[in-house]
């Protein structure tokens, strides 16, 4: 299983903070992102490529990084400051 976490605006847009999915269906974080985008308009907006960061097991990684069963995948927008 993959544990998928959502933070900040990403979480606010989709309305949930985490879910679990079978790892065998995804080989990369990008495949997971593409699957989630298909869940609807809010998901597509929240997980728009180019406006999203991903951490795998609490390490910032490229979307093309491999995922495996037991991994924690976190999606969140880039942090901005002022």
PDB file of N, CA and C in Angstrom:
ATOM      1  N   UNK A   1       0.837  -1.191   0.000  1.00  0.00           N
ATOM      2  CA  UNK A   1       0.000   0.000   0.000  1.00  0.00           C
ATOM      3  C   UNK A   1       0.875   1.245   0.000  1.00  0.00           C
ATOM      4  N   UNK A   2       0.376   2.283  -0.622  1.00  0.00           N
ATOM      5  CA  UNK A   2       0.993   3.600  -0.575  1.00  0.00           C
ATOM      6  C   UNK A   2       0.154   4.491   0.333  1.00  0.00           C
ATOM      7  N   UNK A   3       0.802   5.230   1.185  1.00  0.00           N
ATOM      8  CA  UNK A   3       0.112   6.225   2.000  1.00  0.00           C
ATOM      9  C   UNK A   3       0.331   7.564   1.307  1.00  0.00           C
ATOM     10  N   UNK A   4      -0.761   8.211   0.882  1.00  0.00           N
ATOM     11  CA  UNK A   4      -0.678   9.463   0.148  1.00  0.00           C
ATOM     12  C   UNK A   4      -1.202  10.584   1.033  1.00  0.00           C
ATOM     13  N   UNK A   5      -0.379  11.605   1.208  1.00  0.00           N
ATOM     14  CA  UNK A   5      -0.719  12.758   2.043  1.00  0.00           C
ATOM     15  C   UNK A   5      -0.848  14.009   1.184  1.00  0.00           C
ATOM     16  N   UNK A   6      -1.731  14.900   1.588  1.00  0.00           N
ATOM     17  CA  UNK A   6      -1.945  16.166   0.882  1.00  0.00           C
ATOM     18  C   UNK A   6      -1.820  17.302   1.891  1.00  0.00           C
ATOM     19  N   UNK A   7      -1.114  18.373   1.502  1.00  0.00           N
ATOM     20  CA  UNK A   7      -0.870  19.488   2.406  1.00  0.00           C
ATOM     21  C   UNK A   7      -1.267  20.818   1.777  1.00  0.00           C
ATOM     22  N   UNK A   8      -1.542  21.795   2.645  1.00  0.00           N
ATOM     23  CA  UNK A   8      -1.788  23.198   2.271  1.00  0.00           C
ATOM     24  C   UNK A   8      -2.925  23.304   1.256  1.00  0.00           C
ATOM     25  N   UNK A   9      -2.740  24.106   0.221  1.00  0.00           N
ATOM     26  CA  UNK A   9      -3.799  24.356  -0.753  1.00  0.00           C
ATOM     27  C   UNK A   9      -4.228  23.074  -1.464  1.00  0.00           C
ATOM     28  N   UNK A  10      -3.309  22.161  -1.661  1.00  0.00           N
ATOM     29  CA  UNK A  10      -3.651  20.886  -2.281  1.00  0.00           C
ATOM     30  C   UNK A  10      -4.723  20.175  -1.460  1.00  0.00           C
ATOM     31  N   UNK A  11      -4.520  20.101  -0.164  1.00  0.00           N
ATOM     32  CA  UNK A  11      -5.492  19.471   0.735  1.00  0.00           C
ATOM     33  C   UNK A  11      -6.809  20.248   0.744  1.00  0.00           C
ATOM     34  N   UNK A  12      -6.723  21.564   0.772  1.00  0.00           N
ATOM     35  CA  UNK A  12      -7.934  22.385   0.815  1.00  0.00           C
ATOM     36  C   UNK A  12      -8.792  22.190  -0.433  1.00  0.00           C
ATOM     37  N   UNK A  13      -8.156  22.076  -1.590  1.00  0.00           N
ATOM     38  CA  UNK A  13      -8.906  21.921  -2.835  1.00  0.00           C
ATOM     39  C   UNK A  13      -9.620  20.578  -2.929  1.00  0.00           C
ATOM     40  N   UNK A  14      -8.966  19.499  -2.521  1.00  0.00           N
ATOM     41  CA  UNK A  14      -9.594  18.183  -2.668  1.00  0.00           C
ATOM     42  C   UNK A  14     -10.415  17.762  -1.457  1.00  0.00           C
ATOM     43  N   UNK A  15     -10.172  18.409  -0.327  1.00  0.00           N
ATOM     44  CA  UNK A  15     -11.002  18.167   0.843  1.00  0.00           C
ATOM     45  C   UNK A  15     -10.633  16.950   1.686  1.00  0.00           C
ATOM     46  N   UNK A  16      -9.468  16.344   1.434  1.00  0.00           N
ATOM     47  CA  UNK A  16      -9.010  15.251   2.287  1.00  0.00           C
ATOM     48  C   UNK A  16      -7.525  15.435   2.574  1.00  0.00           C
ATOM     49  N   UNK A  17      -7.057  14.834   3.655  1.00  0.00           N
ATOM     50  CA  UNK A  17      -5.637  14.998   3.983  1.00  0.00           C
ATOM     51  C   UNK A  17      -4.812  13.752   3.708  1.00  0.00           C
ATOM     52  N   UNK A  18      -5.461  12.592   3.544  1.00  0.00           N
ATOM     53  CA  UNK A  18      -4.691  11.394   3.193  1.00  0.00           C
ATOM     54  C   UNK A  18      -5.586  10.301   2.637  1.00  0.00           C
ATOM     55  N   UNK A  19      -4.967   9.366   1.917  1.00  0.00           N
ATOM     56  CA  UNK A  19      -5.649   8.174   1.440  1.00  0.00           C
ATOM     57  C   UNK A  19      -4.606   7.089   1.219  1.00  0.00           C
ATOM     58  N   UNK A  20      -5.076   5.868   1.008  1.00  0.00           N
ATOM     59  CA  UNK A  20      -4.170   4.747   0.752  1.00  0.00           C
ATOM     60  C   UNK A  20      -4.605   4.053  -0.529  1.00  0.00           C
ATOM     61  N   UNK A  21      -3.614   3.681  -1.339  1.00  0.00           N
ATOM     62  CA  UNK A  21      -3.874   2.980  -2.591  1.00  0.00           C
ATOM     63  C   UNK A  21      -2.889   1.832  -2.732  1.00  0.00           C
ATOM     64  N   UNK A  22      -3.266   0.831  -3.511  1.00  0.00           N
ATOM     65  CA  UNK A  22      -2.384  -0.308  -3.769  1.00  0.00           C
ATOM     66  C   UNK A  22      -1.164   0.153  -4.560  1.00  0.00           C
ATOM     67  N   UNK A  23       0.006  -0.191  -4.098  1.00  0.00           N
ATOM     68  CA  UNK A  23       1.255   0.234  -4.735  1.00  0.00           C
ATOM     69  C   UNK A  23       1.457  -0.416  -6.091  1.00  0.00           C
ATOM     70  N   UNK A  24       0.924  -1.611  -6.291  1.00  0.00           N
ATOM     71  CA  UNK A  24       1.184  -2.340  -7.533  1.00  0.00           C
ATOM     72  C   UNK A  24       0.663  -1.618  -8.773  1.00  0.00           C
ATOM     73  N   UNK A  25      -0.233  -0.674  -8.594  1.00  0.00           N
ATOM     74  CA  UNK A  25      -0.813   0.051  -9.719  1.00  0.00           C
ATOM     75  C   UNK A  25       0.060   1.201 -10.207  1.00  0.00           C
ATOM     76  N   UNK A  26       1.123   1.537  -9.482  1.00  0.00           N
ATOM     77  CA  UNK A  26       1.925   2.713  -9.806  1.00  0.00           C
ATOM     78  C   UNK A  26       3.414   2.408  -9.667  1.00  0.00           C
ATOM     79  N   UNK A  27       4.194   2.822 -10.655  1.00  0.00           N
ATOM     80  CA  UNK A  27       5.639   2.636 -10.542  1.00  0.00           C
ATOM     81  C   UNK A  27       6.359   3.944 -10.218  1.00  0.00           C
ATOM     82  N   UNK A  28       5.699   5.093 -10.476  1.00  0.00           N
ATOM     83  CA  UNK A  28       6.302   6.397 -10.170  1.00  0.00           C
ATOM     84  C   UNK A  28       5.272   7.310  -9.503  1.00  0.00           C
ATOM     85  N   UNK A  29       5.776   8.360  -8.886  1.00  0.00           N
ATOM     86  CA  UNK A  29       4.886   9.369  -8.294  1.00  0.00           C
ATOM     87  C   UNK A  29       4.068  10.064  -9.382  1.00  0.00           C
ATOM     88  N   UNK A  30       4.643  10.206 -10.570  1.00  0.00           N
ATOM     89  CA  UNK A  30       3.921  10.829 -11.685  1.00  0.00           C
ATOM     90  C   UNK A  30       2.739   9.969 -12.117  1.00  0.00           C
ATOM     91  N   UNK A  31       2.903   8.653 -12.173  1.00  0.00           N
ATOM     92  CA  UNK A  31       1.775   7.771 -12.500  1.00  0.00           C
ATOM     93  C   UNK A  31       0.669   7.910 -11.462  1.00  0.00           C
ATOM     94  N   UNK A  32       1.034   8.019 -10.211  1.00  0.00           N
ATOM     95  CA  UNK A  32       0.071   8.226  -9.141  1.00  0.00           C
ATOM     96  C   UNK A  32      -0.643   9.557  -9.316  1.00  0.00           C
ATOM     97  N   UNK A  33       0.122  10.618  -9.603  1.00  0.00           N
ATOM     98  CA  UNK A  33      -0.468  11.940  -9.815  1.00  0.00           C
ATOM     99  C   UNK A  33      -1.468  11.899 -10.965  1.00  0.00           C
ATOM    100  N   UNK A  34      -1.102  11.273 -12.081  1.00  0.00           N
ATOM    101  CA  UNK A  34      -1.993  11.182 -13.239  1.00  0.00           C
ATOM    102  C   UNK A  34      -3.288  10.433 -12.897  1.00  0.00           C
ATOM    103  N   UNK A  35      -3.174   9.372 -12.128  1.00  0.00           N
ATOM    104  CA  UNK A  35      -4.351   8.626 -11.687  1.00  0.00           C
ATOM    105  C   UNK A  35      -5.273   9.516 -10.847  1.00  0.00           C
ATOM    106  N   UNK A  36      -4.700  10.244  -9.912  1.00  0.00           N
ATOM    107  CA  UNK A  36      -5.501  11.092  -9.023  1.00  0.00           C
ATOM    108  C   UNK A  36      -6.159  12.243  -9.773  1.00  0.00           C
ATOM    109  N   UNK A  37      -5.485  12.796 -10.772  1.00  0.00           N
ATOM    110  CA  UNK A  37      -6.035  13.894 -11.574  1.00  0.00           C
ATOM    111  C   UNK A  37      -7.343  13.481 -12.240  1.00  0.00           C
ATOM    112  N   UNK A  38      -7.464  12.200 -12.576  1.00  0.00           N
ATOM    113  CA  UNK A  38      -8.669  11.691 -13.239  1.00  0.00           C
ATOM    114  C   UNK A  38      -9.883  11.639 -12.315  1.00  0.00           C
ATOM    115  N   UNK A  39      -9.712  11.882 -11.026  1.00  0.00           N
ATOM    116  CA  UNK A  39     -10.818  11.826 -10.071  1.00  0.00           C
ATOM    117  C   UNK A  39     -11.764  13.017 -10.179  1.00  0.00           C
ATOM    118  N   UNK A  40     -11.365  14.059 -10.926  1.00  0.00           N
ATOM    119  CA  UNK A  40     -12.267  15.190 -11.096  1.00  0.00           C
ATOM    120  C   UNK A  40     -11.546  16.516 -11.201  1.00  0.00           C
ATOM    121  N   UNK A  41     -12.339  17.546 -11.445  1.00  0.00           N
ATOM    122  CA  UNK A  41     -11.808  18.889 -11.690  1.00  0.00           C
ATOM    123  C   UNK A  41     -11.003  19.432 -10.509  1.00  0.00           C
ATOM    124  N   UNK A  42     -11.491  19.268  -9.293  1.00  0.00           N
ATOM    125  CA  UNK A  42     -10.767  19.750  -8.122  1.00  0.00           C
ATOM    126  C   UNK A  42      -9.419  19.048  -7.982  1.00  0.00           C
ATOM    127  N   UNK A  43      -9.417  17.750  -8.240  1.00  0.00           N
ATOM    128  CA  UNK A  43      -8.172  16.981  -8.172  1.00  0.00           C
ATOM    129  C   UNK A  43      -7.187  17.465  -9.234  1.00  0.00           C
ATOM    130  N   UNK A  44      -7.681  17.696 -10.436  1.00  0.00           N
ATOM    131  CA  UNK A  44      -6.817  18.161 -11.528  1.00  0.00           C
ATOM    132  C   UNK A  44      -6.203  19.517 -11.191  1.00  0.00           C
ATOM    133  N   UNK A  45      -6.988  20.398 -10.611  1.00  0.00           N
ATOM    134  CA  UNK A  45      -6.476  21.713 -10.220  1.00  0.00           C
ATOM    135  C   UNK A  45      -5.466  21.588  -9.075  1.00  0.00           C
ATOM    136  N   UNK A  46      -5.780  20.783  -8.086  1.00  0.00           N
ATOM    137  CA  UNK A  46      -4.907  20.633  -6.923  1.00  0.00           C
ATOM    138  C   UNK A  46      -3.581  19.970  -7.275  1.00  0.00           C
ATOM    139  N   UNK A  47      -3.596  19.067  -8.257  1.00  0.00           N
ATOM    140  CA  UNK A  47      -2.412  18.274  -8.580  1.00  0.00           C
ATOM    141  C   UNK A  47      -1.837  18.631  -9.949  1.00  0.00           C
ATOM    142  N   UNK A  48      -2.022  19.883 -10.347  1.00  0.00           N
ATOM    143  CA  UNK A  48      -1.539  20.339 -11.643  1.00  0.00           C
ATOM    144  C   UNK A  48      -0.009  20.253 -11.722  1.00  0.00           C
ATOM    145  N   UNK A  49       0.457  19.562 -12.748  1.00  0.00           N
ATOM    146  CA  UNK A  49       1.903  19.395 -12.937  1.00  0.00           C
ATOM    147  C   UNK A  49       2.545  20.765 -13.148  1.00  0.00           C
ATOM    148  N   UNK A  50       3.700  20.966 -12.579  1.00  0.00           N
ATOM    149  CA  UNK A  50       4.389  22.241 -12.675  1.00  0.00           C
ATOM    150  C   UNK A  50       4.074  23.179 -11.518  1.00  0.00           C
ATOM    151  N   UNK A  51       3.025  22.855 -10.768  1.00  0.00           N
ATOM    152  CA  UNK A  51       2.626  23.663  -9.616  1.00  0.00           C
ATOM    153  C   UNK A  51       2.526  22.782  -8.378  1.00  0.00           C
ATOM    154  N   UNK A  52       3.390  21.770  -8.330  1.00  0.00           N
ATOM    155  CA  UNK A  52       3.256  20.751  -7.301  1.00  0.00           C
ATOM    156  C   UNK A  52       4.629  20.192  -6.951  1.00  0.00           C
ATOM    157  N   UNK A  53       4.833  19.950  -5.670  1.00  0.00           N
ATOM    158  CA  UNK A  53       6.029  19.262  -5.203  1.00  0.00           C
ATOM    159  C   UNK A  53       5.608  17.916  -4.628  1.00  0.00           C
ATOM    160  N   UNK A  54       6.548  16.973  -4.634  1.00  0.00           N
ATOM    161  CA  UNK A  54       6.274  15.660  -4.065  1.00  0.00           C
ATOM    162  C   UNK A  54       7.434  15.258  -3.165  1.00  0.00           C
ATOM    163  N   UNK A  55       7.085  14.667  -2.042  1.00  0.00           N
ATOM    164  CA  UNK A  55       8.083  14.084  -1.147  1.00  0.00           C
ATOM    165  C   UNK A  55       7.760  12.599  -1.009  1.00  0.00           C
ATOM    166  N   UNK A  56       8.798  11.777  -1.135  1.00  0.00           N
ATOM    167  CA  UNK A  56       8.652  10.340  -0.951  1.00  0.00           C
ATOM    168  C   UNK A  56       9.427   9.976   0.304  1.00  0.00           C
ATOM    169  N   UNK A  57       8.715   9.444   1.281  1.00  0.00           N
ATOM    170  CA  UNK A  57       9.305   9.123   2.579  1.00  0.00           C
ATOM    171  C   UNK A  57      10.028  10.331   3.173  1.00  0.00           C
ATOM    172  N   UNK A  58       9.361  11.480   3.079  1.00  0.00           N
ATOM    173  CA  UNK A  58       9.794  12.754   3.669  1.00  0.00           C
ATOM    174  C   UNK A  58      11.058  13.332   3.034  1.00  0.00           C
ATOM    175  N   UNK A  59      11.344  12.935   1.775  1.00  0.00           N
ATOM    176  CA  UNK A  59      12.457  13.504   1.023  1.00  0.00           C
ATOM    177  C   UNK A  59      11.913  14.079  -0.273  1.00  0.00           C
ATOM    178  N   UNK A  60      12.181  15.342  -0.539  1.00  0.00           N
ATOM    179  CA  UNK A  60      11.737  15.995  -1.763  1.00  0.00           C
ATOM    180  C   UNK A  60      12.345  15.275  -2.961  1.00  0.00           C
ATOM    181  N   UNK A  61      11.486  14.884  -3.912  1.00  0.00           N
ATOM    182  CA  UNK A  61      11.919  14.074  -5.057  1.00  0.00           C
ATOM    183  C   UNK A  61      11.242  14.580  -6.331  1.00  0.00           C
ATOM    184  N   UNK A  62      11.817  14.255  -7.501  1.00  0.00           N
ATOM    185  CA  UNK A  62      11.131  14.549  -8.769  1.00  0.00           C
ATOM    186  C   UNK A  62       9.894  13.653  -8.910  1.00  0.00           C
ATOM    187  N   UNK A  63       8.899  14.140  -9.639  1.00  0.00           N
ATOM    188  CA  UNK A  63       7.686  13.349  -9.866  1.00  0.00           C
ATOM    189  C   UNK A  63       7.978  12.019 -10.555  1.00  0.00           C
ATOM    190  N   UNK A  64       9.042  11.936 -11.315  1.00  0.00           N
ATOM    191  CA  UNK A  64       9.377  10.717 -12.052  1.00  0.00           C
ATOM    192  C   UNK A  64      10.021   9.658 -11.154  1.00  0.00           C
ATOM    193  N   UNK A  65      10.181   9.939  -9.878  1.00  0.00           N
ATOM    194  CA  UNK A  65      10.816   8.995  -8.946  1.00  0.00           C
ATOM    195  C   UNK A  65       9.946   7.767  -8.718  1.00  0.00           C
ATOM    196  N   UNK A  66      10.626   6.635  -8.533  1.00  0.00           N
ATOM    197  CA  UNK A  66       9.937   5.365  -8.299  1.00  0.00           C
ATOM    198  C   UNK A  66       9.263   5.350  -6.931  1.00  0.00           C
ATOM    199  N   UNK A  67       8.147   4.631  -6.861  1.00  0.00           N
ATOM    200  CA  UNK A  67       7.452   4.400  -5.593  1.00  0.00           C
ATOM    201  C   UNK A  67       7.269   2.896  -5.427  1.00  0.00           C
ATOM    202  N   UNK A  68       7.204   2.463  -4.165  1.00  0.00           N
ATOM    203  CA  UNK A  68       7.012   1.042  -3.878  1.00  0.00           C
ATOM    204  C   UNK A  68       6.118   0.889  -2.652  1.00  0.00           C
ATOM    205  N   UNK A  69       5.635  -0.293  -2.465  1.00  0.00           N
ATOM    206  CA  UNK A  69       4.750  -0.579  -1.343  1.00  0.00           C
ATOM    207  C   UNK A  69       5.398  -0.148  -0.029  1.00  0.00           C
ATOM    208  N   UNK A  70       4.610   0.507   0.800  1.00  0.00           N
ATOM    209  CA  UNK A  70       5.088   0.995   2.089  1.00  0.00           C
ATOM    210  C   UNK A  70       5.550   2.445   2.062  1.00  0.00           C
ATOM    211  N   UNK A  71       5.682   3.015   0.858  1.00  0.00           N
ATOM    212  CA  UNK A  71       6.132   4.408   0.756  1.00  0.00           C
ATOM    213  C   UNK A  71       5.041   5.379   1.200  1.00  0.00           C
ATOM    214  N   UNK A  72       5.489   6.509   1.715  1.00  0.00           N
ATOM    215  CA  UNK A  72       4.615   7.645   2.032  1.00  0.00           C
ATOM    216  C   UNK A  72       4.882   8.708   0.972  1.00  0.00           C
ATOM    217  N   UNK A  73       3.834   9.084   0.245  1.00  0.00           N
ATOM    218  CA  UNK A  73       3.932  10.063  -0.827  1.00  0.00           C
ATOM    219  C   UNK A  73       3.163  11.304  -0.394  1.00  0.00           C
ATOM    220  N   UNK A  74       3.836  12.448  -0.370  1.00  0.00           N
ATOM    221  CA  UNK A  74       3.181  13.694   0.030  1.00  0.00           C
ATOM    222  C   UNK A  74       3.183  14.673  -1.143  1.00  0.00           C
ATOM    223  N   UNK A  75       2.010  15.214  -1.449  1.00  0.00           N
ATOM    224  CA  UNK A  75       1.865  16.231  -2.485  1.00  0.00           C
ATOM    225  C   UNK A  75       1.570  17.564  -1.818  1.00  0.00           C
ATOM    226  N   UNK A  76       2.246  18.625  -2.290  1.00  0.00           N
ATOM    227  CA  UNK A  76       2.014  19.945  -1.723  1.00  0.00           C
ATOM    228  C   UNK A  76       2.482  21.011  -2.702  1.00  0.00           C
ATOM    229  N   UNK A  77       1.922  22.223  -2.589  1.00  0.00           N
ATOM    230  CA  UNK A  77       2.341  23.307  -3.484  1.00  0.00           C
ATOM    231  C   UNK A  77       3.701  23.852  -3.034  1.00  0.00           C
ATOM    232  N   UNK A  78       4.418  24.490  -3.970  1.00  0.00           N
ATOM    233  CA  UNK A  78       5.673  25.146  -3.561  1.00  0.00           C
ATOM    234  C   UNK A  78       5.398  26.188  -2.479  1.00  0.00           C
ATOM    235  N   UNK A  79       6.312  26.309  -1.567  1.00  0.00           N
ATOM    236  CA  UNK A  79       6.165  27.267  -0.466  1.00  0.00           C
ATOM    237  C   UNK A  79       6.609  28.645  -0.950  1.00  0.00           C
ATOM    238  N   UNK A  80       5.809  29.642  -0.614  1.00  0.00           N
ATOM    239  CA  UNK A  80       6.185  31.013  -0.932  1.00  0.00           C
ATOM    240  C   UNK A  80       6.231  31.811   0.356  1.00  0.00           C
ATOM    241  N   UNK A  81       7.017  32.821   0.370  1.00  0.00           N
ATOM    242  CA  UNK A  81       7.131  33.655   1.555  1.00  0.00           C
ATOM    243  C   UNK A  81       6.993  35.116   1.197  1.00  0.00           C
ATOM    244  N   UNK A  82       6.946  35.941   2.204  1.00  0.00           N
ATOM    245  CA  UNK A  82       6.772  37.354   1.908  1.00  0.00           C
ATOM    246  C   UNK A  82       7.380  38.229   2.939  1.00  0.00           C
TER     247      UNK A  82
END
